């Protein structure tokens, strides 16, 4: 058998270069059923770590309360009632760790302000007012840690800029202007730590590419182009750390598969196919770390249950 040594040598060199750069083979693995019964909230289904064990749990918000199925790392366990009464925001419901204790809390935004129910010992405690005045964005309201202190802050996006209400652990402070002037994406705006400094950055997805304003801890910096070509999904576009390096990656879900552009800390790398074929939910599609290994997994909520593709990363 004749071997083309030039090709073999080139391949070896290519692998060596990839190893030096720290690039690893990665994909979403086989589809596994984590729950084989219907489970979704008529006011939203969320995935966040409410127990503090490092694994995102399944949260269903219903008209009469909130129920949780804990992640065991291999499946979602039996239902637990964490809020036995109505807990709905006029503007919306959210789950994020606003105290820095590692447990995601239940947040509601009303027209009159923001209330928080802290996650405590298998339940959400009585709600407390964290903002006693209207505080929400006309273009969106978000909760993410933009200061790097471990506590999720309140972020409001308006036509004329972006404001932040810092979390003290007991309230959100008065609004600070972090971006002056419009900063909106054609395809949406997101907040996630794409640089790995533990501060969530502002990300806009446009028809022509993706822009990022890095969090400086007291403002968002100047816009940077992280992709100079279109990158958004037919089903959805997401930002989550699927490789486990501490930097949120760009994920697009299309009708024929799921692709990822890894964050290098200053750009999104070339496109990679992580799942070939249809993979999105009848109810919702989500990305969160449900195993506790630091990598976000692909979760689909269907009318019949919840399926998962775990993020798999292998050394070259």
Protein backbone atom coordinates (compact mmCIF):
# COMPACT_ATOMS: atom_id res chain seq x y z
CA UNK A 1 0.00 0.00 0.00
CA UNK A 2 1.37 3.37 -1.01
CA UNK A 3 1.16 6.08 1.65
CA UNK A 4 1.23 9.75 0.83
CA UNK A 5 3.68 10.88 3.51
CA UNK A 6 3.15 14.54 2.65
CA UNK A 7 -0.53 14.28 3.56
CA UNK A 8 0.21 12.31 6.73
CA UNK A 9 2.86 14.84 7.78
CA UNK A 10 0.50 17.72 7.12
CA UNK A 11 -2.20 16.04 9.19
CA UNK A 12 0.22 15.48 12.09
CA UNK A 13 1.36 19.09 11.95
CA UNK A 14 -2.28 20.24 11.85
CA UNK A 15 -3.12 18.22 14.97
CA UNK A 16 -0.01 19.55 16.72
CA UNK A 17 -0.99 23.13 15.93
CA UNK A 18 -4.52 22.53 17.18
CA UNK A 19 -3.16 21.02 20.40
CA UNK A 20 -0.91 24.00 20.95
CA UNK A 21 -3.86 26.31 20.44
CA UNK A 22 -5.88 24.30 22.94
CA UNK A 23 -8.53 23.27 20.41
CA UNK A 24 -10.42 20.12 21.33
CA UNK A 25 -12.87 17.96 19.40
CA UNK A 26 -16.37 18.70 20.62
CA UNK A 27 -19.99 17.96 19.77
CA UNK A 28 -23.41 17.39 21.28
CA UNK A 29 -23.71 13.65 21.88
CA UNK A 30 -26.54 11.18 21.50
CA UNK A 31 -30.08 12.24 22.38
CA UNK A 32 -31.10 10.96 25.79
CA UNK A 33 -34.50 11.11 27.49
CA UNK A 34 -34.17 12.93 30.80
CA UNK A 35 -37.89 13.02 31.39
CA UNK A 36 -40.50 10.86 29.64
CA UNK A 37 -43.63 12.66 30.87
CA UNK A 38 -44.97 16.10 29.90
CA UNK A 39 -43.33 18.91 31.88
CA UNK A 40 -43.58 22.55 30.93
CA UNK A 41 -45.03 25.64 32.54
CA UNK A 42 -47.95 27.46 30.96
CA UNK A 43 -46.09 30.66 31.86
CA UNK A 44 -42.64 29.45 30.91
CA UNK A 45 -40.09 26.66 31.38
CA UNK A 46 -36.61 27.60 32.60
CA UNK A 47 -33.30 25.92 33.37
CA UNK A 48 -31.20 27.35 36.20
CA UNK A 49 -29.37 26.02 39.25
CA UNK A 50 -31.78 26.68 42.14
CA UNK A 51 -30.18 24.16 44.53
CA UNK A 52 -26.57 25.37 44.36
CA UNK A 53 -25.05 22.03 43.33
CA UNK A 54 -23.72 23.34 40.01
CA UNK A 55 -26.39 21.64 37.92
CA UNK A 56 -29.22 23.53 36.20
CA UNK A 57 -32.65 22.32 37.28
CA UNK A 58 -35.93 22.30 35.32
CA UNK A 59 -38.36 25.00 36.49
CA UNK A 60 -41.99 25.29 35.40
CA UNK A 61 -43.97 28.47 36.08
CA UNK A 62 -47.71 27.91 36.16
CA UNK A 63 -50.77 30.00 36.98
CA UNK A 64 -50.90 28.54 40.50
CA UNK A 65 -47.21 28.45 41.42
CA UNK A 66 -43.72 27.22 40.56
CA UNK A 67 -42.51 23.62 40.51
CA UNK A 68 -38.97 22.30 40.20
CA UNK A 69 -37.45 19.05 39.01
CA UNK A 70 -33.88 18.81 40.26
CA UNK A 71 -31.12 17.63 37.97
CA UNK A 72 -29.43 14.47 39.23
CA UNK A 73 -26.77 14.75 36.55
CA UNK A 74 -28.45 11.93 34.63
CA UNK A 75 -32.15 12.88 34.67
CA UNK A 76 -34.66 15.28 36.16
CA UNK A 77 -36.13 14.02 39.44
CA UNK A 78 -39.69 14.12 40.79
CA UNK A 79 -41.62 17.40 40.98
CA UNK A 80 -41.27 19.64 44.03
CA UNK A 81 -43.50 22.61 44.77
CA UNK A 82 -41.21 25.57 45.39
CA UNK A 83 -43.90 28.26 45.26
CA UNK A 84 -47.45 27.13 46.20
CA UNK A 85 -49.19 30.30 45.05
CA UNK A 86 -49.40 32.65 42.10
CA UNK A 87 -46.06 34.32 41.36
CA UNK A 88 -46.23 36.00 37.99
CA UNK A 89 -44.75 39.27 36.80
CA UNK A 90 -46.75 41.65 34.66
CA UNK A 91 -43.62 42.17 32.54
CA UNK A 92 -42.03 38.76 33.06
CA UNK A 93 -40.53 36.02 35.26
CA UNK A 94 -36.79 35.36 35.50
CA UNK A 95 -34.37 33.10 37.38
CA UNK A 96 -30.85 34.24 38.27
CA UNK A 97 -28.55 34.27 41.30
CA UNK A 98 -28.90 37.83 42.59
CA UNK A 99 -27.32 37.19 46.01
CA UNK A 100 -24.13 35.34 45.04
CA UNK A 101 -24.87 32.18 47.03
CA UNK A 102 -24.84 29.94 43.94
CA UNK A 103 -28.61 29.44 43.85
CA UNK A 104 -30.83 31.02 41.20
CA UNK A 105 -33.61 33.13 42.71
CA UNK A 106 -37.11 33.81 41.37
CA UNK A 107 -37.55 37.35 40.02
CA UNK A 108 -40.72 39.05 38.84
CA UNK A 109 -40.94 42.36 37.04
CA UNK A 110 -44.13 44.33 37.45
CA UNK A 111 -45.07 47.73 36.12
CA UNK A 112 -44.47 49.13 39.61
CA UNK A 113 -41.09 47.52 40.32
CA UNK A 114 -39.11 44.31 40.83
CA UNK A 115 -39.67 41.63 43.49
CA UNK A 116 -37.37 38.71 44.37
CA UNK A 117 -38.04 35.40 46.10
CA UNK A 118 -34.76 33.89 47.26
CA UNK A 119 -34.03 30.19 46.75
CA UNK A 120 -33.77 28.63 50.22
CA UNK A 121 -33.75 24.95 51.29
CA UNK A 122 -36.05 23.57 48.64
CA UNK A 123 -38.38 26.51 48.21
CA UNK A 124 -38.62 30.10 47.10
CA UNK A 125 -39.03 32.32 50.17
CA UNK A 126 -41.52 35.14 50.59
CA UNK A 127 -40.95 37.79 47.97
CA UNK A 128 -39.33 41.09 48.80
CA UNK A 129 -39.32 44.34 46.88
CA UNK A 130 -35.91 45.03 45.33
CA UNK A 131 -37.01 48.03 43.23
CA UNK A 132 -40.01 50.12 44.26
CA UNK A 133 -40.44 52.00 40.99
CA UNK A 134 -40.90 51.02 37.33
CA UNK A 135 -37.67 49.47 36.04
CA UNK A 136 -37.80 47.56 32.77
CA UNK A 137 -36.57 48.10 29.24
CA UNK A 138 -38.74 48.91 26.27
CA UNK A 139 -36.49 46.60 24.22
CA UNK A 140 -35.84 44.02 26.89
CA UNK A 141 -34.93 43.35 30.51
CA UNK A 142 -32.18 40.93 31.52
CA UNK A 143 -30.40 39.62 34.60
CA UNK A 144 -26.68 38.82 34.41
CA UNK A 145 -23.56 39.56 36.42
CA UNK A 146 -21.98 42.50 34.57
CA UNK A 147 -19.78 43.66 37.47
CA UNK A 148 -18.03 40.37 38.26
CA UNK A 149 -19.02 40.16 41.92
CA UNK A 150 -20.99 36.93 41.49
CA UNK A 151 -24.41 38.59 41.77
CA UNK A 152 -26.71 38.99 38.76
CA UNK A 153 -27.57 42.63 38.05
CA UNK A 154 -30.70 44.09 36.43
CA UNK A 155 -30.15 45.29 32.85
CA UNK A 156 -32.62 47.38 30.89
CA UNK A 157 -32.35 47.95 27.14
CA UNK A 158 -34.11 50.98 25.67
CA UNK A 159 -34.03 52.75 22.31
CA UNK A 160 -31.60 55.32 23.70
CA UNK A 161 -29.18 53.08 25.56
CA UNK A 162 -28.56 50.41 28.19
CA UNK A 163 -28.94 50.87 31.93
CA UNK A 164 -27.81 48.70 34.84
CA UNK A 165 -29.16 48.38 38.38
CA UNK A 166 -26.40 46.71 40.37
CA UNK A 167 -27.35 43.98 42.82
CA UNK A 168 -26.19 44.53 46.41
CA UNK A 169 -27.54 41.13 47.44
CA UNK A 170 -30.61 42.74 49.00
CA UNK A 171 -31.73 45.26 46.36
CA UNK A 172 -31.00 46.69 42.94
CA UNK A 173 -29.32 50.09 43.10
CA UNK A 174 -30.45 53.13 41.09
CA UNK A 175 -29.94 53.02 37.34
CA UNK A 176 -26.50 53.64 35.82
CA UNK A 177 -26.06 54.37 32.12
CA UNK A 178 -23.70 51.78 30.64
CA UNK A 179 -24.32 52.59 26.96
CA UNK A 180 -25.40 55.97 25.64
CA UNK A 181 -27.30 55.78 22.39
CA UNK A 182 -28.97 52.91 20.59
CA UNK A 183 -27.34 49.48 20.81
CA UNK A 184 -29.79 46.98 19.38
CA UNK A 185 -29.30 44.01 17.09
CA UNK A 186 -31.34 43.30 13.98
CA UNK A 187 -31.73 39.77 15.35
CA UNK A 188 -31.57 40.47 19.07
CA UNK A 189 -29.44 41.54 22.00
CA UNK A 190 -27.95 39.19 24.60
CA UNK A 191 -25.81 39.31 27.74
CA UNK A 192 -23.20 36.64 28.46
CA UNK A 193 -19.53 36.42 29.43
CA UNK A 194 -17.78 35.88 26.10
CA UNK A 195 -14.32 36.96 27.28
CA UNK A 196 -13.90 34.73 30.34
CA UNK A 197 -13.41 37.52 32.89
CA UNK A 198 -16.60 36.57 34.79
CA UNK A 199 -18.42 39.71 33.66
CA UNK A 200 -21.34 39.44 31.22
CA UNK A 201 -20.85 41.39 28.01
CA UNK A 202 -23.42 43.00 25.68
CA UNK A 203 -23.85 41.11 22.41
CA UNK A 204 -25.86 42.16 19.35
CA UNK A 205 -26.75 39.87 16.48
CA UNK A 206 -27.20 41.72 13.21
CA UNK A 207 -27.98 40.58 9.69
CA UNK A 208 -24.32 41.22 8.80
CA UNK A 209 -22.61 39.72 11.85
CA UNK A 210 -22.19 39.82 15.62
CA UNK A 211 -20.97 42.75 17.69
CA UNK A 212 -19.75 42.77 21.30
CA UNK A 213 -19.32 45.50 23.89
CA UNK A 214 -17.14 44.18 26.70
CA UNK A 215 -18.13 44.86 30.26
CA UNK A 216 -15.60 47.13 31.96
CA UNK A 217 -17.29 46.67 35.33
CA UNK A 218 -18.86 50.12 35.23
CA UNK A 219 -19.84 50.44 31.58
CA UNK A 220 -19.85 48.54 28.29
CA UNK A 221 -16.88 49.41 26.05
CA UNK A 222 -16.81 50.26 22.38
CA UNK A 223 -18.42 47.91 19.89
CA UNK A 224 -16.16 45.17 18.47
CA UNK A 225 -16.94 43.03 15.43
CA UNK A 226 -16.74 39.37 16.47
CA UNK A 227 -18.09 37.93 13.20
CA UNK A 228 -18.16 39.88 9.96
CA UNK A 229 -20.68 37.60 8.24
CA UNK A 230 -24.27 36.56 9.09
CA UNK A 231 -24.59 34.08 11.96
CA UNK A 232 -28.04 33.49 13.37
CA UNK A 233 -30.42 30.54 13.54
CA UNK A 234 -33.76 29.84 11.90
CA UNK A 235 -35.01 28.45 15.22
CA UNK A 236 -32.89 30.53 17.55
CA UNK A 237 -29.52 32.03 18.46
CA UNK A 238 -27.97 31.43 21.89
CA UNK A 239 -24.85 32.23 23.88
CA UNK A 240 -23.55 29.71 26.43
CA UNK A 241 -20.24 28.07 27.33
CA UNK A 242 -20.43 24.68 25.62
CA UNK A 243 -16.69 23.96 25.74
CA UNK A 244 -16.06 24.57 29.45
CA UNK A 245 -13.36 27.21 29.05
CA UNK A 246 -15.31 29.92 30.86
CA UNK A 247 -16.25 31.81 27.69
CA UNK A 248 -19.77 31.79 26.24
CA UNK A 249 -19.88 30.52 22.66
CA UNK A 250 -22.27 31.46 19.85
CA UNK A 251 -24.84 28.76 19.07
CA UNK A 252 -27.35 28.69 16.24
CA UNK A 253 -30.20 26.23 15.89
CA UNK A 254 -31.40 25.62 12.36
CA UNK A 255 -33.89 23.16 10.95
CA UNK A 256 -31.06 20.88 9.80
CA UNK A 257 -28.80 21.01 12.83
CA UNK A 258 -26.98 22.93 15.56
CA UNK A 259 -23.74 24.77 14.91
CA UNK A 260 -21.27 26.51 17.22
CA UNK A 261 -18.71 29.27 16.89
CA UNK A 262 -16.33 29.06 19.84
CA UNK A 263 -15.35 32.24 21.62
CA UNK A 264 -11.61 32.93 21.51
CA UNK A 265 -12.04 35.85 23.92
CA UNK A 266 -11.77 38.39 21.11
CA UNK A 267 -13.82 36.83 18.29
CA UNK A 268 -16.02 33.89 17.42
CA UNK A 269 -14.03 31.18 15.61
CA UNK A 270 -15.14 29.44 12.39
CA UNK A 271 -18.42 27.55 12.36
CA UNK A 272 -18.54 23.93 13.62
CA UNK A 273 -21.36 21.41 13.17
CA UNK A 274 -22.25 20.02 16.61
CA UNK A 275 -25.51 18.28 15.74
CA UNK A 276 -26.61 17.10 12.31
CA UNK A 277 -30.33 16.83 11.67
CA UNK A 278 -33.44 18.18 13.36
CA UNK A 279 -32.95 19.00 17.04
CA UNK A 280 -35.23 21.57 18.59
CA UNK A 281 -38.20 21.39 20.93
CA UNK A 282 -41.94 21.61 20.36
CA UNK A 283 -42.10 23.88 23.43
CA UNK A 284 -38.59 25.32 23.71
CA UNK A 285 -34.88 24.80 23.06
CA UNK A 286 -32.36 25.64 25.76
CA UNK A 287 -28.65 25.52 26.60
CA UNK A 288 -27.54 25.08 30.22
CA UNK A 289 -25.11 22.97 32.25
CA UNK A 290 -27.30 20.22 33.73
CA UNK A 291 -24.46 17.83 34.65
CA UNK A 292 -22.21 20.22 36.59
CA UNK A 293 -19.12 19.74 34.42
CA UNK A 294 -18.96 23.39 33.34
CA UNK A 295 -20.27 22.78 29.81
CA UNK A 296 -23.72 23.83 28.64
CA UNK A 297 -25.83 21.01 27.21
CA UNK A 298 -28.53 21.11 24.53
CA UNK A 299 -32.00 20.67 26.06
CA UNK A 300 -35.27 20.38 24.17
CA UNK A 301 -38.66 20.56 25.83
CA UNK A 302 -41.37 18.67 23.95
CA UNK A 303 -45.02 18.04 24.73
CA UNK A 304 -44.05 14.47 25.69
CA UNK A 305 -41.04 15.21 27.90
CA UNK A 306 -37.49 16.56 27.93
CA UNK A 307 -34.58 15.30 25.82
CA UNK A 308 -30.92 16.17 26.22
CA UNK A 309 -27.76 16.07 24.17
CA UNK A 310 -24.76 16.43 26.46
CA UNK A 311 -21.79 18.53 25.42
CA UNK A 312 -18.86 16.21 24.76
CA UNK A 313 -15.31 17.52 24.58
CA UNK A 314 -12.37 15.23 23.85
CA UNK A 315 -8.64 15.83 23.79
CA UNK A 316 -6.93 15.42 20.45
